[in-house]
């Protein structure tokens, strides 16, 4: 009795067009930022690592992701044989190589200072 009837408000215009685009604009901007700052550099790093691993050859000094440092004695399709000490050879999966140093390249020692 004391409560008045509620009616839906009449729309002044059809929603859509520019307002829908403006709502999606921040989402698109975030995606573009993520692409240029995260996705693209990661893809570039993966490509460099893949090229480095594919170009490993006998005689190169390699560092595995487990921290082993040794000289490559044999290269297969998916594995390399690494000599980590005189007469000690281990089979290592190529994708676990963290760094490949060529025959004459010195080690990058950060702790020299």
N, C-alpha and C. Protein backbone atom coordinates (compact mmCIF):
# COMPACT_ATOMS: atom_id res chain seq x y z
N UNK A 1 0.79 -1.20 0.00
CA UNK A 1 0.00 0.00 0.00
C UNK A 1 0.84 1.26 0.00
N UNK A 2 1.90 1.24 0.75
CA UNK A 2 2.74 2.42 0.80
C UNK A 2 3.89 2.36 -0.21
N UNK A 3 4.04 1.21 -0.84
CA UNK A 3 5.14 1.03 -1.78
C UNK A 3 4.63 1.31 -3.18
N UNK A 4 5.37 2.17 -3.88
CA UNK A 4 4.96 2.47 -5.25
C UNK A 4 5.51 1.40 -6.19
N UNK A 5 4.93 1.29 -7.32
CA UNK A 5 5.34 0.30 -8.31
C UNK A 5 6.61 0.79 -9.00
N UNK A 6 7.57 -0.15 -9.18
CA UNK A 6 8.83 0.19 -9.82
C UNK A 6 8.76 -0.18 -11.29
N UNK A 7 9.20 0.73 -12.14
CA UNK A 7 9.20 0.50 -13.58
C UNK A 7 10.64 0.56 -14.09
N UNK A 8 10.90 -0.18 -15.13
CA UNK A 8 12.23 -0.15 -15.74
C UNK A 8 12.47 1.19 -16.40
N UNK A 9 13.67 1.67 -16.33
CA UNK A 9 13.99 2.95 -16.92
C UNK A 9 14.08 2.80 -18.43
N UNK A 10 13.55 3.73 -19.13
CA UNK A 10 13.56 3.70 -20.58
C UNK A 10 14.97 4.00 -21.08
N UNK A 11 15.42 3.25 -22.09
CA UNK A 11 16.75 3.45 -22.66
C UNK A 11 16.73 4.65 -23.58
N UNK A 12 17.76 5.52 -23.46
CA UNK A 12 17.84 6.70 -24.30
C UNK A 12 18.35 6.37 -25.69
N UNK A 13 19.14 5.31 -25.79
CA UNK A 13 19.69 4.90 -27.08
C UNK A 13 20.13 3.45 -26.97
N UNK A 14 20.34 2.84 -28.08
CA UNK A 14 20.78 1.46 -28.08
C UNK A 14 22.24 1.38 -27.65
N UNK A 15 22.59 0.53 -26.67
CA UNK A 15 23.98 0.40 -26.26
C UNK A 15 24.77 -0.37 -27.31
N UNK A 16 26.06 -0.15 -27.35
CA UNK A 16 26.89 -0.88 -28.30
C UNK A 16 27.91 0.06 -28.90
N UNK A 17 28.30 -0.23 -30.11
CA UNK A 17 29.21 0.62 -30.86
C UNK A 17 30.44 1.03 -30.10
N UNK A 18 30.54 2.31 -29.85
CA UNK A 18 31.74 2.87 -29.24
C UNK A 18 31.91 2.42 -27.80
N UNK A 19 30.83 2.29 -27.05
CA UNK A 19 30.97 1.91 -25.65
C UNK A 19 31.48 0.48 -25.51
N UNK A 20 31.08 -0.43 -26.38
CA UNK A 20 31.58 -1.80 -26.32
C UNK A 20 33.07 -1.83 -26.66
N UNK A 21 33.48 -1.04 -27.64
CA UNK A 21 34.89 -0.97 -28.00
C UNK A 21 35.71 -0.38 -26.86
N UNK A 22 35.19 0.64 -26.22
CA UNK A 22 35.90 1.28 -25.13
C UNK A 22 36.06 0.34 -23.93
N UNK A 23 35.14 -0.59 -23.76
CA UNK A 23 35.27 -1.56 -22.68
C UNK A 23 36.33 -2.60 -23.00
N UNK A 24 36.53 -2.92 -24.27
CA UNK A 24 37.53 -3.91 -24.67
C UNK A 24 38.92 -3.30 -24.85
N UNK A 25 39.00 -2.00 -24.97
CA UNK A 25 40.27 -1.33 -25.21
C UNK A 25 41.31 -1.60 -24.12
N UNK A 26 41.00 -1.51 -22.84
CA UNK A 26 42.02 -1.82 -21.81
C UNK A 26 42.49 -3.28 -21.88
N UNK A 27 41.60 -4.19 -22.18
CA UNK A 27 41.99 -5.60 -22.30
C UNK A 27 42.93 -5.80 -23.47
N UNK A 28 42.65 -5.16 -24.58
CA UNK A 28 43.54 -5.25 -25.74
C UNK A 28 44.89 -4.61 -25.45
N UNK A 29 44.89 -3.50 -24.75
CA UNK A 29 46.15 -2.83 -24.40
C UNK A 29 47.00 -3.71 -23.49
N UNK A 30 46.39 -4.39 -22.54
CA UNK A 30 47.12 -5.29 -21.65
C UNK A 30 47.73 -6.43 -22.45
N UNK A 31 46.99 -7.00 -23.40
CA UNK A 31 47.50 -8.09 -24.22
C UNK A 31 48.70 -7.62 -25.05
N UNK A 32 48.61 -6.43 -25.62
CA UNK A 32 49.72 -5.91 -26.43
C UNK A 32 50.96 -5.70 -25.55
N UNK A 33 50.79 -5.17 -24.36
CA UNK A 33 51.90 -4.97 -23.44
C UNK A 33 52.53 -6.31 -23.06
N UNK A 34 51.70 -7.31 -22.73
CA UNK A 34 52.22 -8.63 -22.39
C UNK A 34 52.98 -9.22 -23.57
N UNK A 35 52.47 -9.03 -24.78
CA UNK A 35 53.13 -9.60 -25.95
C UNK A 35 54.53 -9.01 -26.12
N UNK A 36 54.66 -7.69 -26.06
CA UNK A 36 55.94 -7.06 -26.32
C UNK A 36 56.93 -7.18 -25.17
N UNK A 37 56.45 -7.29 -23.93
CA UNK A 37 57.37 -7.36 -22.80
C UNK A 37 57.62 -8.76 -22.28
N UNK A 38 56.73 -9.72 -22.55
CA UNK A 38 56.91 -11.07 -22.01
C UNK A 38 56.99 -12.14 -23.09
N UNK A 39 56.02 -12.21 -23.96
CA UNK A 39 55.91 -13.31 -24.91
C UNK A 39 56.99 -13.23 -25.97
N UNK A 40 57.15 -12.10 -26.60
CA UNK A 40 58.12 -11.95 -27.70
C UNK A 40 59.56 -12.17 -27.25
N UNK A 41 60.01 -11.58 -26.14
CA UNK A 41 61.39 -11.85 -25.70
C UNK A 41 61.62 -13.32 -25.33
N UNK A 42 60.60 -13.96 -24.74
CA UNK A 42 60.74 -15.38 -24.39
C UNK A 42 60.88 -16.24 -25.64
N UNK A 43 60.11 -15.93 -26.68
CA UNK A 43 60.21 -16.67 -27.93
C UNK A 43 61.59 -16.46 -28.57
N UNK A 44 62.11 -15.25 -28.47
CA UNK A 44 63.43 -14.96 -29.02
C UNK A 44 64.51 -15.75 -28.28
N UNK A 45 64.40 -15.80 -26.94
CA UNK A 45 65.34 -16.55 -26.13
C UNK A 45 65.28 -18.05 -26.45
N UNK A 46 64.07 -18.57 -26.63
CA UNK A 46 63.91 -19.98 -26.96
C UNK A 46 64.53 -20.30 -28.32
N UNK A 47 64.37 -19.40 -29.28
CA UNK A 47 64.94 -19.60 -30.61
C UNK A 47 66.47 -19.61 -30.53
N UNK A 48 67.06 -18.69 -29.77
CA UNK A 48 68.52 -18.65 -29.62
C UNK A 48 69.04 -19.92 -28.95
N UNK A 49 68.32 -20.41 -27.92
CA UNK A 49 68.74 -21.63 -27.23
C UNK A 49 68.66 -22.82 -28.17
N UNK A 50 67.60 -22.91 -28.96
CA UNK A 50 67.43 -24.01 -29.91
C UNK A 50 68.56 -24.01 -30.95
N UNK A 51 68.91 -22.82 -31.45
CA UNK A 51 70.01 -22.71 -32.41
C UNK A 51 71.35 -23.10 -31.77
N UNK A 52 71.57 -22.67 -30.54
CA UNK A 52 72.80 -22.98 -29.83
C UNK A 52 72.93 -24.50 -29.63
N UNK A 53 71.85 -25.14 -29.23
CA UNK A 53 71.87 -26.58 -28.99
C UNK A 53 72.05 -27.34 -30.30
N UNK A 54 71.42 -26.89 -31.37
CA UNK A 54 71.55 -27.58 -32.66
C UNK A 54 72.94 -27.42 -33.26
N UNK A 55 73.68 -26.36 -32.89
CA UNK A 55 75.00 -26.12 -33.45
C UNK A 55 76.13 -26.66 -32.59
N UNK A 56 75.82 -27.41 -31.53
CA UNK A 56 76.87 -27.98 -30.68
C UNK A 56 77.64 -29.03 -31.50
N UNK A 57 78.96 -29.03 -31.31
CA UNK A 57 79.79 -29.96 -32.07
C UNK A 57 80.86 -30.54 -31.16
N UNK A 58 81.53 -31.55 -31.66
CA UNK A 58 82.58 -32.24 -30.90
C UNK A 58 83.70 -31.24 -30.57
N UNK A 59 84.15 -31.27 -29.33
CA UNK A 59 85.22 -30.38 -28.89
C UNK A 59 84.72 -29.15 -28.16
N UNK A 60 83.43 -28.84 -28.25
CA UNK A 60 82.89 -27.68 -27.53
C UNK A 60 82.83 -27.98 -26.04
N UNK A 61 83.00 -26.95 -25.25
CA UNK A 61 82.80 -27.06 -23.81
C UNK A 61 81.36 -26.65 -23.52
N UNK A 62 80.66 -27.49 -22.76
CA UNK A 62 79.24 -27.23 -22.48
C UNK A 62 79.00 -27.18 -20.98
N UNK A 63 77.96 -26.47 -20.62
CA UNK A 63 77.49 -26.41 -19.25
C UNK A 63 76.06 -26.91 -19.26
N UNK A 64 75.76 -27.91 -18.45
CA UNK A 64 74.39 -28.44 -18.39
C UNK A 64 73.58 -27.63 -17.39
N UNK A 65 72.27 -27.80 -17.44
CA UNK A 65 71.42 -27.08 -16.49
C UNK A 65 71.62 -27.61 -15.08
N UNK A 66 72.21 -28.80 -14.93
CA UNK A 66 72.52 -29.35 -13.62
C UNK A 66 73.85 -28.84 -13.07
N UNK A 67 74.60 -28.09 -13.89
CA UNK A 67 75.84 -27.50 -13.43
C UNK A 67 77.10 -28.25 -13.83
N UNK A 68 76.97 -29.35 -14.57
CA UNK A 68 78.15 -30.07 -15.01
C UNK A 68 78.82 -29.34 -16.16
N UNK A 69 80.14 -29.26 -16.11
CA UNK A 69 80.91 -28.63 -17.18
C UNK A 69 81.81 -29.71 -17.77
N UNK A 70 81.78 -29.83 -19.09
CA UNK A 70 82.60 -30.84 -19.71
C UNK A 70 82.79 -30.57 -21.19
N UNK A 71 83.55 -31.45 -21.82
CA UNK A 71 83.86 -31.32 -23.24
C UNK A 71 83.05 -32.36 -24.02
N UNK A 72 82.45 -31.94 -25.12
CA UNK A 72 81.63 -32.83 -25.94
C UNK A 72 82.55 -33.78 -26.70
N UNK A 73 82.25 -35.09 -26.58
CA UNK A 73 83.05 -36.08 -27.30
C UNK A 73 82.26 -36.74 -28.42
N UNK A 74 80.94 -36.73 -28.34
CA UNK A 74 80.12 -37.31 -29.40
C UNK A 74 78.76 -36.60 -29.42
N UNK A 75 78.25 -36.38 -30.63
CA UNK A 75 76.96 -35.69 -30.79
C UNK A 75 76.00 -36.62 -31.54
N UNK A 76 74.84 -36.86 -30.95
CA UNK A 76 73.76 -37.62 -31.60
C UNK A 76 72.62 -36.66 -31.90
N UNK A 77 71.50 -37.21 -32.36
CA UNK A 77 70.35 -36.36 -32.68
C UNK A 77 69.79 -35.66 -31.45
N UNK A 78 69.55 -36.42 -30.38
CA UNK A 78 68.91 -35.85 -29.20
C UNK A 78 69.83 -35.80 -27.98
N UNK A 79 71.00 -36.44 -28.07
CA UNK A 79 71.89 -36.52 -26.93
C UNK A 79 73.32 -36.17 -27.33
N UNK A 80 74.11 -35.79 -26.34
CA UNK A 80 75.53 -35.59 -26.54
C UNK A 80 76.26 -36.35 -25.44
N UNK A 81 77.45 -36.81 -25.77
CA UNK A 81 78.29 -37.46 -24.76
C UNK A 81 79.30 -36.42 -24.31
N UNK A 82 79.36 -36.22 -22.99
CA UNK A 82 80.21 -35.18 -22.41
C UNK A 82 81.25 -35.83 -21.51
N UNK A 83 82.50 -35.44 -21.68
CA UNK A 83 83.57 -35.92 -20.80
C UNK A 83 83.73 -34.89 -19.69
N UNK A 84 83.39 -35.30 -18.45
CA UNK A 84 83.44 -34.37 -17.33
C UNK A 84 84.74 -34.50 -16.55
N UNK A 85 85.47 -35.60 -16.75
CA UNK A 85 86.80 -35.81 -16.16
C UNK A 85 87.53 -36.78 -17.08
N UNK A 86 88.79 -37.00 -16.84
CA UNK A 86 89.54 -37.93 -17.69
C UNK A 86 88.92 -39.32 -17.59
N UNK A 87 88.41 -39.80 -18.71
CA UNK A 87 87.83 -41.14 -18.77
C UNK A 87 86.41 -41.24 -18.24
N UNK A 88 85.81 -40.15 -17.80
CA UNK A 88 84.44 -40.18 -17.28
C UNK A 88 83.53 -39.50 -18.30
N UNK A 89 82.67 -40.30 -18.95
CA UNK A 89 81.77 -39.80 -19.98
C UNK A 89 80.32 -39.96 -19.51
N UNK A 90 79.51 -38.96 -19.75
CA UNK A 90 78.09 -39.03 -19.41
C UNK A 90 77.26 -38.65 -20.64
N UNK A 91 76.11 -39.27 -20.76
CA UNK A 91 75.17 -38.94 -21.82
C UNK A 91 74.26 -37.83 -21.31
N UNK A 92 74.11 -36.78 -22.08
CA UNK A 92 73.29 -35.64 -21.68
C UNK A 92 72.30 -35.35 -22.79
N UNK A 93 71.05 -35.10 -22.43
CA UNK A 93 70.05 -34.71 -23.41
C UNK A 93 70.36 -33.29 -23.86
N UNK A 94 70.31 -33.06 -25.17
CA UNK A 94 70.71 -31.76 -25.73
C UNK A 94 69.92 -30.60 -25.14
N UNK A 95 68.64 -30.80 -24.89
CA UNK A 95 67.81 -29.69 -24.42
C UNK A 95 68.18 -29.24 -23.01
N UNK A 96 68.97 -30.04 -22.28
CA UNK A 96 69.37 -29.63 -20.93
C UNK A 96 70.67 -28.84 -20.92
N UNK A 97 71.23 -28.55 -22.08
CA UNK A 97 72.44 -27.74 -22.14
C UNK A 97 72.09 -26.28 -21.87
N UNK A 98 72.77 -25.69 -20.92
CA UNK A 98 72.50 -24.30 -20.57
C UNK A 98 73.40 -23.34 -21.33
N UNK A 99 74.63 -23.78 -21.63
CA UNK A 99 75.58 -22.90 -22.32
C UNK A 99 76.52 -23.75 -23.15
N UNK A 100 76.89 -23.24 -24.30
CA UNK A 100 77.85 -23.91 -25.17
C UNK A 100 78.98 -22.93 -25.43
N UNK A 101 80.19 -23.35 -25.12
CA UNK A 101 81.37 -22.53 -25.37
C UNK A 101 82.18 -23.22 -26.46
N UNK A 102 82.65 -22.46 -27.42
CA UNK A 102 83.45 -23.05 -28.48
C UNK A 102 84.85 -23.37 -27.94
N UNK A 103 85.68 -23.99 -28.76
CA UNK A 103 86.99 -24.47 -28.30
C UNK A 103 87.85 -23.38 -27.70
N UNK A 104 87.94 -22.22 -28.32
CA UNK A 104 88.84 -21.19 -27.84
C UNK A 104 88.20 -20.15 -26.94
N UNK A 105 86.93 -20.28 -26.65
CA UNK A 105 86.23 -19.25 -25.88
C UNK A 105 86.49 -19.41 -24.39
N UNK A 106 86.90 -18.35 -23.70
CA UNK A 106 87.14 -18.44 -22.27
C UNK A 106 85.83 -18.48 -21.49
N UNK A 107 85.94 -18.92 -20.25
CA UNK A 107 84.77 -18.97 -19.37
C UNK A 107 84.40 -17.56 -18.95
N UNK A 108 83.10 -17.32 -18.79
CA UNK A 108 82.62 -16.03 -18.32
C UNK A 108 82.56 -16.05 -16.80
N UNK A 109 83.65 -15.66 -16.13
CA UNK A 109 83.68 -15.68 -14.68
C UNK A 109 83.22 -14.35 -14.13
N UNK A 110 82.11 -14.38 -13.40
CA UNK A 110 81.57 -13.17 -12.80
C UNK A 110 82.29 -12.88 -11.49
N UNK A 111 82.77 -13.92 -10.82
CA UNK A 111 83.35 -13.75 -9.48
C UNK A 111 84.85 -13.42 -9.52
N UNK A 112 85.35 -12.87 -10.60
CA UNK A 112 86.77 -12.52 -10.70
C UNK A 112 87.13 -11.33 -9.83
N UNK A 113 86.19 -10.42 -9.63
CA UNK A 113 86.48 -9.17 -8.91
C UNK A 113 86.86 -9.45 -7.50
